[in-house]
Amino acid sequence: MNPNAFLSATEALADLLEAENGALAAMDFPRVGCLAAAKTSAVAALAVARPPLGGRAIVEPRLRAAVVRLEALTRANQTLLQRAIAAHREVMGVIVAAARKSGRGAAGRYTAQGAAAPPVRAPIAVSARV
């Protein structure tokens, strides 16, 4: 067990969560996506460095402060991720509603002159027998 490795891994993950939380708060989703791989690596590094505590409390002040900070950032991250998911659902709902209102078959169809094509009509069966 290396307490310095655990402290470093805890601080590194906390720093990444702080950056991700800032990006989530600003709804900067491309930046959030860029942090995903680093966050995954930081979580893995923390799991490897975590000492088996066996229910004992962390007493070293600097390590305790780092763990408390990480816990607070993790809670904030969860809240911000839930907000981002809700916002994404809203945007998708608006897009779906707009697509439904645009008319079936007309979206993306154009005439040779570049004008929007009329909607496709259902085929009609005609019988010549009388």
C-alpha atoms as a PDB file:
ATOM      1  CA  MET A   1       0.000   0.000   0.000  1.00  0.00           C
ATOM      2  CA  ASN A   2       1.426   3.320  -1.082  1.00  0.00           C
ATOM      3  CA  PRO A   3      -0.457   6.245   0.510  1.00  0.00           C
ATOM      4  CA  ASN A   4       1.273   8.725  -1.810  1.00  0.00           C
ATOM      5  CA  ALA A   5      -0.011   6.856  -4.881  1.00  0.00           C
ATOM      6  CA  PHE A   6      -3.522   6.884  -3.439  1.00  0.00           C
ATOM      7  CA  LEU A   7      -3.301  10.600  -2.679  1.00  0.00           C
ATOM      8  CA  SER A   8      -1.999  11.351  -6.183  1.00  0.00           C
ATOM      9  CA  ALA A   9      -4.715   9.250  -7.825  1.00  0.00           C
ATOM     10  CA  THR A  10      -7.406  10.867  -5.661  1.00  0.00           C
ATOM     11  CA  GLU A  11      -6.209  14.371  -6.498  1.00  0.00           C
ATOM     12  CA  ALA A  12      -5.881  13.550 -10.214  1.00  0.00           C
ATOM     13  CA  LEU A  13      -9.457  12.234 -10.412  1.00  0.00           C
ATOM     14  CA  ALA A  14     -10.738  15.204  -8.411  1.00  0.00           C
ATOM     15  CA  ASP A  15      -9.005  17.602 -10.814  1.00  0.00           C
ATOM     16  CA  LEU A  16     -10.587  15.830 -13.801  1.00  0.00           C
ATOM     17  CA  LEU A  17     -14.028  15.896 -12.204  1.00  0.00           C
ATOM     18  CA  GLU A  18     -13.617  19.586 -11.493  1.00  0.00           C
ATOM     19  CA  ALA A  19     -12.819  20.192 -15.173  1.00  0.00           C
ATOM     20  CA  GLU A  20     -15.707  17.987 -16.310  1.00  0.00           C
ATOM     21  CA  ASN A  21     -18.116  19.676 -13.913  1.00  0.00           C
ATOM     22  CA  GLY A  22     -17.122  23.054 -15.326  1.00  0.00           C
ATOM     23  CA  ALA A  23     -17.734  21.808 -18.859  1.00  0.00           C
ATOM     24  CA  LEU A  24     -21.074  20.253 -17.860  1.00  0.00           C
ATOM     25  CA  ALA A  25     -22.171  23.454 -16.127  1.00  0.00           C
ATOM     26  CA  ALA A  26     -21.384  25.359 -19.345  1.00  0.00           C
ATOM     27  CA  MET A  27     -23.100  22.624 -21.409  1.00  0.00           C
ATOM     28  CA  ASP A  28     -19.834  22.254 -23.337  1.00  0.00           C
ATOM     29  CA  PHE A  29     -20.465  18.659 -24.407  1.00  0.00           C
ATOM     30  CA  PRO A  30     -17.560  18.378 -26.868  1.00  0.00           C
ATOM     31  CA  ARG A  31     -15.196  19.219 -24.011  1.00  0.00           C
ATOM     32  CA  VAL A  32     -16.930  16.699 -21.749  1.00  0.00           C
ATOM     33  CA  GLY A  33     -16.404  14.071 -24.436  1.00  0.00           C
ATOM     34  CA  CYS A  34     -12.712  14.931 -24.694  1.00  0.00           C
ATOM     35  CA  LEU A  35     -12.314  14.289 -20.957  1.00  0.00           C
ATOM     36  CA  ALA A  36     -13.964  10.846 -21.029  1.00  0.00           C
ATOM     37  CA  ALA A  37     -10.838   8.779 -21.752  1.00  0.00           C
ATOM     38  CA  ALA A  38      -8.783  10.621 -19.145  1.00  0.00           C
ATOM     39  CA  LYS A  39     -11.585  10.170 -16.598  1.00  0.00           C
ATOM     40  CA  THR A  40     -11.730   6.431 -17.289  1.00  0.00           C
ATOM     41  CA  SER A  41      -7.956   6.168 -16.815  1.00  0.00           C
ATOM     42  CA  ALA A  42      -8.063   8.202 -13.612  1.00  0.00           C
ATOM     43  CA  VAL A  43     -10.805   5.984 -12.160  1.00  0.00           C
ATOM     44  CA  ALA A  44      -8.748   2.891 -13.016  1.00  0.00           C
ATOM     45  CA  ALA A  45      -5.626   4.399 -11.429  1.00  0.00           C
ATOM     46  CA  LEU A  46      -7.574   5.217  -8.272  1.00  0.00           C
ATOM     47  CA  ALA A  47      -8.929   1.668  -8.074  1.00  0.00           C
ATOM     48  CA  VAL A  48      -5.386   0.268  -8.328  1.00  0.00           C
ATOM     49  CA  ALA A  49      -3.948   2.704  -5.770  1.00  0.00           C
ATOM     50  CA  ARG A  50      -6.784   2.410  -3.240  1.00  0.00           C
ATOM     51  CA  PRO A  51      -5.556   0.762  -0.057  1.00  0.00           C
ATOM     52  CA  PRO A  52      -7.693  -1.843   1.673  1.00  0.00           C
ATOM     53  CA  LEU A  53      -9.092   0.240   4.530  1.00  0.00           C
ATOM     54  CA  GLY A  54     -11.113  -2.514   6.169  1.00  0.00           C
ATOM     55  CA  GLY A  55     -13.642  -0.034   7.539  1.00  0.00           C
ATOM     56  CA  ARG A  56     -10.998   2.210   9.112  1.00  0.00           C
ATOM     57  CA  ALA A  57     -11.306   5.962   8.720  1.00  0.00           C
ATOM     58  CA  ILE A  58      -8.707   7.937   6.799  1.00  0.00           C
ATOM     59  CA  VAL A  59      -6.851   9.978   9.401  1.00  0.00           C
ATOM     60  CA  GLU A  60      -4.006  11.613   7.436  1.00  0.00           C
ATOM     61  CA  PRO A  61      -5.246  15.234   6.989  1.00  0.00           C
ATOM     62  CA  ARG A  62      -4.132  15.810   3.411  1.00  0.00           C
ATOM     63  CA  LEU A  63      -5.514  12.471   2.214  1.00  0.00           C
ATOM     64  CA  ARG A  64      -8.741  13.025   4.143  1.00  0.00           C
ATOM     65  CA  ALA A  65      -9.175  16.455   2.537  1.00  0.00           C
ATOM     66  CA  ALA A  66      -8.558  14.965  -0.929  1.00  0.00           C
ATOM     67  CA  VAL A  67     -11.134  12.226  -0.348  1.00  0.00           C
ATOM     68  CA  VAL A  68     -13.729  14.709   0.951  1.00  0.00           C
ATOM     69  CA  ARG A  69     -13.111  16.923  -2.108  1.00  0.00           C
ATOM     70  CA  LEU A  70     -13.460  13.924  -4.444  1.00  0.00           C
ATOM     71  CA  GLU A  71     -16.728  12.890  -2.776  1.00  0.00           C
ATOM     72  CA  ALA A  72     -18.181  16.402  -3.175  1.00  0.00           C
ATOM     73  CA  LEU A  73     -17.094  16.616  -6.807  1.00  0.00           C
ATOM     74  CA  THR A  74     -18.551  13.165  -7.486  1.00  0.00           C
ATOM     75  CA  ARG A  75     -21.948  14.206  -6.104  1.00  0.00           C
ATOM     76  CA  ALA A  76     -21.884  17.409  -8.175  1.00  0.00           C
ATOM     77  CA  ASN A  77     -20.823  15.406 -11.243  1.00  0.00           C
ATOM     78  CA  GLN A  78     -23.790  13.078 -10.865  1.00  0.00           C
ATOM     79  CA  THR A  79     -26.200  16.024 -10.630  1.00  0.00           C
ATOM     80  CA  LEU A  80     -24.650  17.761 -13.649  1.00  0.00           C
ATOM     81  CA  LEU A  81     -24.685  14.555 -15.716  1.00  0.00           C
ATOM     82  CA  GLN A  82     -28.383  14.056 -14.919  1.00  0.00           C
ATOM     83  CA  ARG A  83     -29.051  17.645 -16.007  1.00  0.00           C
ATOM     84  CA  ALA A  84     -27.138  17.069 -19.259  1.00  0.00           C
ATOM     85  CA  ILE A  85     -29.120  13.898 -19.971  1.00  0.00           C
ATOM     86  CA  ALA A  86     -32.395  15.768 -19.365  1.00  0.00           C
ATOM     87  CA  ALA A  87     -31.287  18.573 -21.694  1.00  0.00           C
ATOM     88  CA  HIS A  88     -30.341  16.036 -24.360  1.00  0.00           C
ATOM     89  CA  ARG A  89     -33.791  14.423 -24.079  1.00  0.00           C
ATOM     90  CA  GLU A  90     -35.419  17.849 -24.486  1.00  0.00           C
ATOM     91  CA  VAL A  91     -33.393  18.621 -27.608  1.00  0.00           C
ATOM     92  CA  MET A  92     -34.175  15.228 -29.111  1.00  0.00           C
ATOM     93  CA  GLY A  93     -37.869  15.738 -28.341  1.00  0.00           C
ATOM     94  CA  VAL A  94     -37.858  19.061 -30.188  1.00  0.00           C
ATOM     95  CA  ILE A  95     -36.133  17.462 -33.187  1.00  0.00           C
ATOM     96  CA  VAL A  96     -38.581  14.549 -33.277  1.00  0.00           C
ATOM     97  CA  ALA A  97     -41.575  16.903 -33.018  1.00  0.00           C
ATOM     98  CA  ALA A  98     -40.207  19.078 -35.843  1.00  0.00           C
ATOM     99  CA  ALA A  99     -39.607  16.020 -38.020  1.00  0.00           C
ATOM    100  CA  ARG A 100     -43.168  14.822 -37.460  1.00  0.00           C
ATOM    101  CA  LYS A 101     -44.614  18.223 -38.389  1.00  0.00           C
ATOM    102  CA  SER A 102     -42.538  18.508 -41.564  1.00  0.00           C
ATOM    103  CA  GLY A 103     -44.596  15.886 -43.395  1.00  0.00           C
ATOM    104  CA  ARG A 104     -43.674  12.365 -44.281  1.00  0.00           C
ATOM    105  CA  GLY A 105     -41.689  11.735 -47.418  1.00  0.00           C
ATOM    106  CA  ALA A 106     -40.969  15.385 -48.193  1.00  0.00           C
ATOM    107  CA  ALA A 107     -37.940  15.855 -46.003  1.00  0.00           C
ATOM    108  CA  GLY A 108     -34.769  15.780 -48.044  1.00  0.00           C
ATOM    109  CA  ARG A 109     -36.460  15.553 -51.485  1.00  0.00           C
ATOM    110  CA  TYR A 110     -35.888  18.230 -54.102  1.00  0.00           C
ATOM    111  CA  THR A 111     -36.851  18.828 -57.734  1.00  0.00           C
ATOM    112  CA  ALA A 112     -34.314  19.241 -60.530  1.00  0.00           C
ATOM    113  CA  GLN A 113     -34.570  23.016 -60.057  1.00  0.00           C
ATOM    114  CA  GLY A 114     -33.706  22.766 -56.353  1.00  0.00           C
ATOM    115  CA  ALA A 115     -37.174  23.448 -54.961  1.00  0.00           C
ATOM    116  CA  ALA A 116     -38.646  21.241 -52.261  1.00  0.00           C
ATOM    117  CA  ALA A 117     -40.468  18.286 -53.781  1.00  0.00           C
ATOM    118  CA  PRO A 118     -44.112  17.685 -52.916  1.00  0.00           C
ATOM    119  CA  PRO A 119     -44.838  14.909 -50.441  1.00  0.00           C
ATOM    120  CA  VAL A 120     -44.944  11.390 -51.829  1.00  0.00           C
ATOM    121  CA  ARG A 121     -48.500  10.210 -52.231  1.00  0.00           C
ATOM    122  CA  ALA A 122     -49.617   6.693 -51.589  1.00  0.00           C
ATOM    123  CA  PRO A 123     -49.984   4.633 -54.784  1.00  0.00           C
ATOM    124  CA  ILE A 124     -53.487   4.214 -56.154  1.00  0.00           C
ATOM    125  CA  ALA A 125     -54.598   0.971 -57.752  1.00  0.00           C
ATOM    126  CA  VAL A 126     -56.559   1.389 -60.986  1.00  0.00           C
ATOM    127  CA  SER A 127     -58.453  -1.417 -62.658  1.00  0.00           C
ATOM    128  CA  ALA A 128     -59.330  -1.366 -66.359  1.00  0.00           C
ATOM    129  CA  ARG A 129     -61.881  -4.156 -65.996  1.00  0.00           C
ATOM    130  CA  VAL A 130     -65.524  -3.200 -65.986  1.00  0.00           C
END
